[in-house]
Amino acid sequence: MTQKPCYGTMFPETLGGGADNGTVTGKVFGYDTVPRGLAGPKRTPNVDTKEWEECLKCEAFDSCYKLSSAKFTLLTAIDGPIQT
């Protein structure tokens, strides 16, 4: 079965090593970063609810979400959790 180009991309491709200033996004989930000097950047999570609703309608939602979650878990293991 051919998957859509967005398959498995609900979460961002980078976590702890993400941008120091700006927005890091996946198709649905992401975070904004704002520098705070020596304290390190502040990261605020965000959700694109329009994209989420689109994902919920997709026939591949379950497997896509599982793949996205697995990639997120692997990135967390490699980069460590997002520090706020």
PDB file of N, CA and C in Angstrom:
ATOM      1  N   MET A   1       0.836  -1.179   0.000  1.00  0.00           N
ATOM      2  CA  MET A   1       0.000   0.000   0.000  1.00  0.00           C
ATOM      3  C   MET A   1       0.883   1.246   0.000  1.00  0.00           C
ATOM      4  N   THR A   2       0.620   2.160  -0.878  1.00  0.00           N
ATOM      5  CA  THR A   2       1.367   3.411  -0.957  1.00  0.00           C
ATOM      6  C   THR A   2       0.845   4.373   0.104  1.00  0.00           C
ATOM      7  N   GLN A   3       1.780   4.938   0.867  1.00  0.00           N
ATOM      8  CA  GLN A   3       1.405   5.869   1.933  1.00  0.00           C
ATOM      9  C   GLN A   3       1.504   7.310   1.447  1.00  0.00           C
ATOM     10  N   LYS A   4       0.760   8.180   2.100  1.00  0.00           N
ATOM     11  CA  LYS A   4       0.829   9.611   1.819  1.00  0.00           C
ATOM     12  C   LYS A   4       2.204  10.135   2.238  1.00  0.00           C
ATOM     13  N   PRO A   5       2.667  11.236   1.648  1.00  0.00           N
ATOM     14  CA  PRO A   5       3.968  11.808   2.027  1.00  0.00           C
ATOM     15  C   PRO A   5       4.048  12.204   3.505  1.00  0.00           C
ATOM     16  N   CYS A   6       2.905  12.479   4.130  1.00  0.00           N
ATOM     17  CA  CYS A   6       2.891  12.897   5.534  1.00  0.00           C
ATOM     18  C   CYS A   6       2.935  11.710   6.501  1.00  0.00           C
ATOM     19  N   TYR A   7       2.893  10.486   5.999  1.00  0.00           N
ATOM     20  CA  TYR A   7       2.826   9.286   6.839  1.00  0.00           C
ATOM     21  C   TYR A   7       3.974   9.248   7.845  1.00  0.00           C
ATOM     22  N   GLY A   8       3.629   9.151   9.124  1.00  0.00           N
ATOM     23  CA  GLY A   8       4.631   9.044  10.187  1.00  0.00           C
ATOM     24  C   GLY A   8       5.282  10.353  10.585  1.00  0.00           C
ATOM     25  N   THR A   9       4.683  11.478  10.218  1.00  0.00           N
ATOM     26  CA  THR A   9       5.322  12.779  10.485  1.00  0.00           C
ATOM     27  C   THR A   9       4.514  13.670  11.428  1.00  0.00           C
ATOM     28  N   MET A  10       3.688  13.089  12.284  1.00  0.00           N
ATOM     29  CA  MET A  10       2.870  13.907  13.186  1.00  0.00           C
ATOM     30  C   MET A  10       3.718  14.730  14.155  1.00  0.00           C
ATOM     31  N   PHE A  11       4.853  14.179  14.579  1.00  0.00           N
ATOM     32  CA  PHE A  11       5.728  14.846  15.541  1.00  0.00           C
ATOM     33  C   PHE A  11       6.937  15.445  14.830  1.00  0.00           C
ATOM     34  N   PRO A  12       7.619  16.414  15.451  1.00  0.00           N
ATOM     35  CA  PRO A  12       8.818  17.003  14.835  1.00  0.00           C
ATOM     36  C   PRO A  12       9.943  15.977  14.699  1.00  0.00           C
ATOM     37  N   GLU A  13      10.852  16.241  13.790  1.00  0.00           N
ATOM     38  CA  GLU A  13      12.004  15.359  13.566  1.00  0.00           C
ATOM     39  C   GLU A  13      13.117  15.587  14.577  1.00  0.00           C
ATOM     40  N   THR A  14      13.027  16.642  15.363  1.00  0.00           N
ATOM     41  CA  THR A  14      14.064  16.940  16.341  1.00  0.00           C
ATOM     42  C   THR A  14      13.420  17.293  17.671  1.00  0.00           C
ATOM     43  N   LEU A  15      14.086  16.954  18.767  1.00  0.00           N
ATOM     44  CA  LEU A  15      13.546  17.242  20.093  1.00  0.00           C
ATOM     45  C   LEU A  15      14.535  18.073  20.891  1.00  0.00           C
ATOM     46  N   GLY A  16      15.315  17.425  21.748  1.00  0.00           N
ATOM     47  CA  GLY A  16      16.237  18.140  22.627  1.00  0.00           C
ATOM     48  C   GLY A  16      17.262  18.966  21.885  1.00  0.00           C
ATOM     49  N   GLY A  17      17.635  18.550  20.690  1.00  0.00           N
ATOM     50  CA  GLY A  17      18.615  19.292  19.913  1.00  0.00           C
ATOM     51  C   GLY A  17      17.972  20.246  18.933  1.00  0.00           C
ATOM     52  N   GLY A  18      16.749  20.657  19.210  1.00  0.00           N
ATOM     53  CA  GLY A  18      15.986  21.489  18.292  1.00  0.00           C
ATOM     54  C   GLY A  18      16.471  22.916  18.217  1.00  0.00           C
ATOM     55  N   ALA A  19      15.715  23.715  17.548  1.00  0.00           N
ATOM     56  CA  ALA A  19      16.060  25.115  17.328  1.00  0.00           C
ATOM     57  C   ALA A  19      16.162  25.861  18.651  1.00  0.00           C
ATOM     58  N   ASP A  20      17.099  26.816  18.723  1.00  0.00           N
ATOM     59  CA  ASP A  20      17.235  27.648  19.914  1.00  0.00           C
ATOM     60  C   ASP A  20      16.264  28.818  19.885  1.00  0.00           C
ATOM     61  N   ASN A  21      15.743  29.139  18.728  1.00  0.00           N
ATOM     62  CA  ASN A  21      14.806  30.240  18.594  1.00  0.00           C
ATOM     63  C   ASN A  21      13.944  29.976  17.367  1.00  0.00           C
ATOM     64  N   GLY A  22      12.642  29.894  17.551  1.00  0.00           N
ATOM     65  CA  GLY A  22      11.762  29.653  16.422  1.00  0.00           C
ATOM     66  C   GLY A  22      10.788  28.536  16.702  1.00  0.00           C
ATOM     67  N   THR A  23      10.289  27.926  15.643  1.00  0.00           N
ATOM     68  CA  THR A  23       9.278  26.889  15.757  1.00  0.00           C
ATOM     69  C   THR A  23       9.787  25.593  15.143  1.00  0.00           C
ATOM     70  N   VAL A  24       9.560  24.497  15.849  1.00  0.00           N
ATOM     71  CA  VAL A  24       9.893  23.159  15.365  1.00  0.00           C
ATOM     72  C   VAL A  24       8.567  22.428  15.226  1.00  0.00           C
ATOM     73  N   THR A  25       8.270  21.915  14.025  1.00  0.00           N
ATOM     74  CA  THR A  25       6.957  21.314  13.816  1.00  0.00           C
ATOM     75  C   THR A  25       7.012  19.986  13.085  1.00  0.00           C
ATOM     76  N   GLY A  26       6.029  19.179  13.409  1.00  0.00           N
ATOM     77  CA  GLY A  26       5.663  18.022  12.622  1.00  0.00           C
ATOM     78  C   GLY A  26       4.347  18.381  11.952  1.00  0.00           C
ATOM     79  N   LYS A  27       3.684  17.406  11.362  1.00  0.00           N
ATOM     80  CA  LYS A  27       2.409  17.703  10.696  1.00  0.00           C
ATOM     81  C   LYS A  27       1.373  18.208  11.695  1.00  0.00           C
ATOM     82  N   VAL A  28       1.365  17.654  12.902  1.00  0.00           N
ATOM     83  CA  VAL A  28       0.363  18.026  13.904  1.00  0.00           C
ATOM     84  C   VAL A  28       0.986  18.679  15.135  1.00  0.00           C
ATOM     85  N   PHE A  29       2.028  18.071  15.674  1.00  0.00           N
ATOM     86  CA  PHE A  29       2.602  18.512  16.947  1.00  0.00           C
ATOM     87  C   PHE A  29       3.931  19.229  16.737  1.00  0.00           C
ATOM     88  N   GLY A  30       4.224  20.155  17.625  1.00  0.00           N
ATOM     89  CA  GLY A  30       5.487  20.875  17.553  1.00  0.00           C
ATOM     90  C   GLY A  30       5.710  21.685  18.808  1.00  0.00           C
ATOM     91  N   TYR A  31       6.703  22.564  18.752  1.00  0.00           N
ATOM     92  CA  TYR A  31       6.951  23.461  19.875  1.00  0.00           C
ATOM     93  C   TYR A  31       7.637  24.726  19.388  1.00  0.00           C
ATOM     94  N   ASP A  32       7.394  25.802  20.136  1.00  0.00           N
ATOM     95  CA  ASP A  32       8.038  27.086  19.884  1.00  0.00           C
ATOM     96  C   ASP A  32       9.161  27.246  20.891  1.00  0.00           C
ATOM     97  N   THR A  33      10.270  27.832  20.459  1.00  0.00           N
ATOM     98  CA  THR A  33      11.384  28.075  21.367  1.00  0.00           C
ATOM     99  C   THR A  33      11.671  29.561  21.449  1.00  0.00           C
ATOM    100  N   VAL A  34      11.939  30.007  22.677  1.00  0.00           N
ATOM    101  CA  VAL A  34      12.289  31.397  22.933  1.00  0.00           C
ATOM    102  C   VAL A  34      13.530  31.387  23.812  1.00  0.00           C
ATOM    103  N   PRO A  35      14.613  32.068  23.392  1.00  0.00           N
ATOM    104  CA  PRO A  35      15.824  32.074  24.204  1.00  0.00           C
ATOM    105  C   PRO A  35      15.594  32.753  25.556  1.00  0.00           C
ATOM    106  N   ARG A  36      16.260  32.212  26.605  1.00  0.00           N
ATOM    107  CA  ARG A  36      16.171  32.798  27.946  1.00  0.00           C
ATOM    108  C   ARG A  36      17.558  33.023  28.534  1.00  0.00           C
ATOM    109  N   GLY A  37      18.544  33.205  27.709  1.00  0.00           N
ATOM    110  CA  GLY A  37      19.896  33.438  28.218  1.00  0.00           C
ATOM    111  C   GLY A  37      20.499  32.177  28.796  1.00  0.00           C
ATOM    112  N   LEU A  38      21.096  32.293  29.977  1.00  0.00           N
ATOM    113  CA  LEU A  38      21.780  31.162  30.601  1.00  0.00           C
ATOM    114  C   LEU A  38      20.836  30.036  31.008  1.00  0.00           C
ATOM    115  N   ALA A  39      19.564  30.337  31.173  1.00  0.00           N
ATOM    116  CA  ALA A  39      18.591  29.317  31.581  1.00  0.00           C
ATOM    117  C   ALA A  39      18.258  28.351  30.448  1.00  0.00           C
ATOM    118  N   GLY A  40      18.676  28.658  29.236  1.00  0.00           N
ATOM    119  CA  GLY A  40      18.327  27.818  28.089  1.00  0.00           C
ATOM    120  C   GLY A  40      16.987  28.229  27.528  1.00  0.00           C
ATOM    121  N   PRO A  41      16.664  27.766  26.337  1.00  0.00           N
ATOM    122  CA  PRO A  41      15.430  28.214  25.689  1.00  0.00           C
ATOM    123  C   PRO A  41      14.176  27.674  26.377  1.00  0.00           C
ATOM    124  N   LYS A  42      13.132  28.466  26.339  1.00  0.00           N
ATOM    125  CA  LYS A  42      11.821  28.025  26.817  1.00  0.00           C
ATOM    126  C   LYS A  42      11.102  27.395  25.631  1.00  0.00           C
ATOM    127  N   ARG A  43      10.586  26.194  25.828  1.00  0.00           N
ATOM    128  CA  ARG A  43       9.871  25.495  24.761  1.00  0.00           C
ATOM    129  C   ARG A  43       8.403  25.345  25.145  1.00  0.00           C
ATOM    130  N   THR A  44       7.527  25.775  24.251  1.00  0.00           N
ATOM    131  CA  THR A  44       6.089  25.707  24.478  1.00  0.00           C
ATOM    132  C   THR A  44       5.468  24.808  23.414  1.00  0.00           C
ATOM    133  N   PRO A  45       4.814  23.706  23.837  1.00  0.00           N
ATOM    134  CA  PRO A  45       4.225  22.797  22.852  1.00  0.00           C
ATOM    135  C   PRO A  45       3.032  23.423  22.141  1.00  0.00           C
ATOM    136  N   ASN A  46       2.796  22.975  20.912  1.00  0.00           N
ATOM    137  CA  ASN A  46       1.625  23.430  20.168  1.00  0.00           C
ATOM    138  C   ASN A  46       1.054  22.279  19.349  1.00  0.00           C
ATOM    139  N   VAL A  47      -0.226  22.392  19.036  1.00  0.00           N
ATOM    140  CA  VAL A  47      -0.945  21.380  18.254  1.00  0.00           C
ATOM    141  C   VAL A  47      -1.716  22.090  17.152  1.00  0.00           C
ATOM    142  N   ASP A  48      -1.567  21.606  15.934  1.00  0.00           N
ATOM    143  CA  ASP A  48      -2.342  22.129  14.814  1.00  0.00           C
ATOM    144  C   ASP A  48      -3.642  21.323  14.755  1.00  0.00           C
ATOM    145  N   THR A  49      -4.705  21.860  15.346  1.00  0.00           N
ATOM    146  CA  THR A  49      -5.959  21.104  15.445  1.00  0.00           C
ATOM    147  C   THR A  49      -6.600  20.837  14.086  1.00  0.00           C
ATOM    148  N   LYS A  50      -6.385  21.713  13.122  1.00  0.00           N
ATOM    149  CA  LYS A  50      -6.916  21.480  11.772  1.00  0.00           C
ATOM    150  C   LYS A  50      -6.253  20.237  11.161  1.00  0.00           C
ATOM    151  N   GLU A  51      -4.930  20.140  11.288  1.00  0.00           N
ATOM    152  CA  GLU A  51      -4.213  18.960  10.775  1.00  0.00           C
ATOM    153  C   GLU A  51      -4.611  17.706  11.551  1.00  0.00           C
ATOM    154  N   TRP A  52      -4.811  17.847  12.870  1.00  0.00           N
ATOM    155  CA  TRP A  52      -5.223  16.707  13.686  1.00  0.00           C
ATOM    156  C   TRP A  52      -6.556  16.154  13.189  1.00  0.00           C
ATOM    157  N   GLU A  53      -7.514  17.034  12.936  1.00  0.00           N
ATOM    158  CA  GLU A  53      -8.816  16.604  12.427  1.00  0.00           C
ATOM    159  C   GLU A  53      -8.666  15.911  11.072  1.00  0.00           C
ATOM    160  N   GLU A  54      -7.768  16.424  10.233  1.00  0.00           N
ATOM    161  CA  GLU A  54      -7.507  15.786   8.940  1.00  0.00           C
ATOM    162  C   GLU A  54      -6.916  14.392   9.144  1.00  0.00           C
ATOM    163  N   CYS A  55      -5.993  14.271  10.084  1.00  0.00           N
ATOM    164  CA  CYS A  55      -5.381  12.970  10.369  1.00  0.00           C
ATOM    165  C   CYS A  55      -6.424  11.965  10.864  1.00  0.00           C
ATOM    166  N   LEU A  56      -7.321  12.414  11.725  1.00  0.00           N
ATOM    167  CA  LEU A  56      -8.345  11.512  12.260  1.00  0.00           C
ATOM    168  C   LEU A  56      -9.227  10.917  11.166  1.00  0.00           C
ATOM    169  N   LYS A  57      -9.392  11.625  10.073  1.00  0.00           N
ATOM    170  CA  LYS A  57     -10.222  11.155   8.958  1.00  0.00           C
ATOM    171  C   LYS A  57      -9.487  10.181   8.036  1.00  0.00           C
ATOM    172  N   CYS A  58      -8.178  10.104   8.163  1.00  0.00           N
ATOM    173  CA  CYS A  58      -7.364   9.281   7.263  1.00  0.00           C
ATOM    174  C   CYS A  58      -7.503   7.796   7.605  1.00  0.00           C
ATOM    175  N   GLU A  59      -7.602   6.963   6.585  1.00  0.00           N
ATOM    176  CA  GLU A  59      -7.730   5.514   6.807  1.00  0.00           C
ATOM    177  C   GLU A  59      -6.463   4.904   7.404  1.00  0.00           C
ATOM    178  N   ALA A  60      -5.329   5.567   7.262  1.00  0.00           N
ATOM    179  CA  ALA A  60      -4.067   5.050   7.801  1.00  0.00           C
ATOM    180  C   ALA A  60      -3.731   5.652   9.166  1.00  0.00           C
ATOM    181  N   PHE A  61      -4.707   6.304   9.817  1.00  0.00           N
ATOM    182  CA  PHE A  61      -4.428   7.015  11.063  1.00  0.00           C
ATOM    183  C   PHE A  61      -3.748   6.144  12.113  1.00  0.00           C
ATOM    184  N   ASP A  62      -4.297   4.964  12.402  1.00  0.00           N
ATOM    185  CA  ASP A  62      -3.749   4.135  13.478  1.00  0.00           C
ATOM    186  C   ASP A  62      -2.287   3.779  13.252  1.00  0.00           C
ATOM    187  N   SER A  63      -1.968   3.282  12.075  1.00  0.00           N
ATOM    188  CA  SER A  63      -0.580   2.889  11.820  1.00  0.00           C
ATOM    189  C   SER A  63       0.325   4.113  11.715  1.00  0.00           C
ATOM    190  N   CYS A  64      -0.184   5.211  11.179  1.00  0.00           N
ATOM    191  CA  CYS A  64       0.598   6.442  11.085  1.00  0.00           C
ATOM    192  C   CYS A  64       0.921   6.977  12.480  1.00  0.00           C
ATOM    193  N   TYR A  65      -0.089   6.976  13.353  1.00  0.00           N
ATOM    194  CA  TYR A  65       0.121   7.459  14.720  1.00  0.00           C
ATOM    195  C   TYR A  65       1.125   6.570  15.452  1.00  0.00           C
ATOM    196  N   LYS A  66       1.020   5.261  15.257  1.00  0.00           N
ATOM    197  CA  LYS A  66       1.962   4.336  15.895  1.00  0.00           C
ATOM    198  C   LYS A  66       3.384   4.582  15.405  1.00  0.00           C
ATOM    199  N   LEU A  67       3.561   4.774  14.099  1.00  0.00           N
ATOM    200  CA  LEU A  67       4.890   5.048  13.562  1.00  0.00           C
ATOM    201  C   LEU A  67       5.403   6.388  14.075  1.00  0.00           C
ATOM    202  N   SER A  68       4.557   7.411  14.070  1.00  0.00           N
ATOM    203  CA  SER A  68       4.952   8.728  14.574  1.00  0.00           C
ATOM    204  C   SER A  68       5.377   8.637  16.037  1.00  0.00           C
ATOM    205  N   SER A  69       4.618   7.893  16.841  1.00  0.00           N
ATOM    206  CA  SER A  69       4.929   7.728  18.260  1.00  0.00           C
ATOM    207  C   SER A  69       6.230   6.957  18.459  1.00  0.00           C
ATOM    208  N   ALA A  70       6.445   5.933  17.640  1.00  0.00           N
ATOM    209  CA  ALA A  70       7.683   5.160  17.739  1.00  0.00           C
ATOM    210  C   ALA A  70       8.894   6.023  17.393  1.00  0.00           C
ATOM    211  N   LYS A  71       8.779   6.836  16.343  1.00  0.00           N
ATOM    212  CA  LYS A  71       9.874   7.739  15.979  1.00  0.00           C
ATOM    213  C   LYS A  71      10.131   8.748  17.096  1.00  0.00           C
ATOM    214  N   PHE A  72       9.054   9.282  17.699  1.00  0.00           N
ATOM    215  CA  PHE A  72       9.171  10.232  18.797  1.00  0.00           C
ATOM    216  C   PHE A  72       9.880   9.589  19.991  1.00  0.00           C
ATOM    217  N   THR A  73       9.511   8.345  20.301  1.00  0.00           N
ATOM    218  CA  THR A  73      10.138   7.622  21.403  1.00  0.00           C
ATOM    219  C   THR A  73      11.619   7.399  21.133  1.00  0.00           C
ATOM    220  N   LEU A  74      11.964   7.019  19.920  1.00  0.00           N
ATOM    221  CA  LEU A  74      13.362   6.819  19.561  1.00  0.00           C
ATOM    222  C   LEU A  74      14.145   8.123  19.658  1.00  0.00           C
ATOM    223  N   LEU A  75      13.574   9.213  19.153  1.00  0.00           N
ATOM    224  CA  LEU A  75      14.244  10.513  19.252  1.00  0.00           C
ATOM    225  C   LEU A  75      14.443  10.928  20.700  1.00  0.00           C
ATOM    226  N   THR A  76      13.463  10.642  21.555  1.00  0.00           N
ATOM    227  CA  THR A  76      13.591  10.955  22.975  1.00  0.00           C
ATOM    228  C   THR A  76      14.731  10.154  23.596  1.00  0.00           C
ATOM    229  N   ALA A  77      14.857   8.887  23.204  1.00  0.00           N
ATOM    230  CA  ALA A  77      15.940   8.055  23.720  1.00  0.00           C
ATOM    231  C   ALA A  77      17.303   8.563  23.258  1.00  0.00           C
ATOM    232  N   ILE A  78      17.370   9.062  22.031  1.00  0.00           N
ATOM    233  CA  ILE A  78      18.638   9.545  21.479  1.00  0.00           C
ATOM    234  C   ILE A  78      18.984  10.933  22.002  1.00  0.00           C
ATOM    235  N   ASP A  79      18.032  11.873  21.890  1.00  0.00           N
ATOM    236  CA  ASP A  79      18.279  13.273  22.250  1.00  0.00           C
ATOM    237  C   ASP A  79      17.992  13.584  23.708  1.00  0.00           C
ATOM    238  N   GLY A  80      17.245  12.736  24.389  1.00  0.00           N
ATOM    239  CA  GLY A  80      16.779  13.042  25.732  1.00  0.00           C
ATOM    240  C   GLY A  80      15.479  13.817  25.641  1.00  0.00           C
ATOM    241  N   PRO A  81      14.769  13.931  26.762  1.00  0.00           N
ATOM    242  CA  PRO A  81      13.493  14.652  26.738  1.00  0.00           C
ATOM    243  C   PRO A  81      13.703  16.136  26.476  1.00  0.00           C
ATOM    244  N   ILE A  82      12.653  16.790  26.010  1.00  0.00           N
ATOM    245  CA  ILE A  82      12.710  18.232  25.788  1.00  0.00           C
ATOM    246  C   ILE A  82      12.851  18.910  27.138  1.00  0.00           C
ATOM    247  N   GLN A  83      13.857  19.747  27.286  1.00  0.00           N
ATOM    248  CA  GLN A  83      14.074  20.489  28.527  1.00  0.00           C
ATOM    249  C   GLN A  83      13.343  21.815  28.451  1.00  0.00           C
ATOM    250  N   THR A  84      12.573  22.142  29.480  1.00  0.00           N
ATOM    251  CA  THR A  84      11.867  23.425  29.491  1.00  0.00           C
ATOM    252  C   THR A  84      12.438  24.347  30.525  1.00  0.00           C
TER     253      THR A  84
END
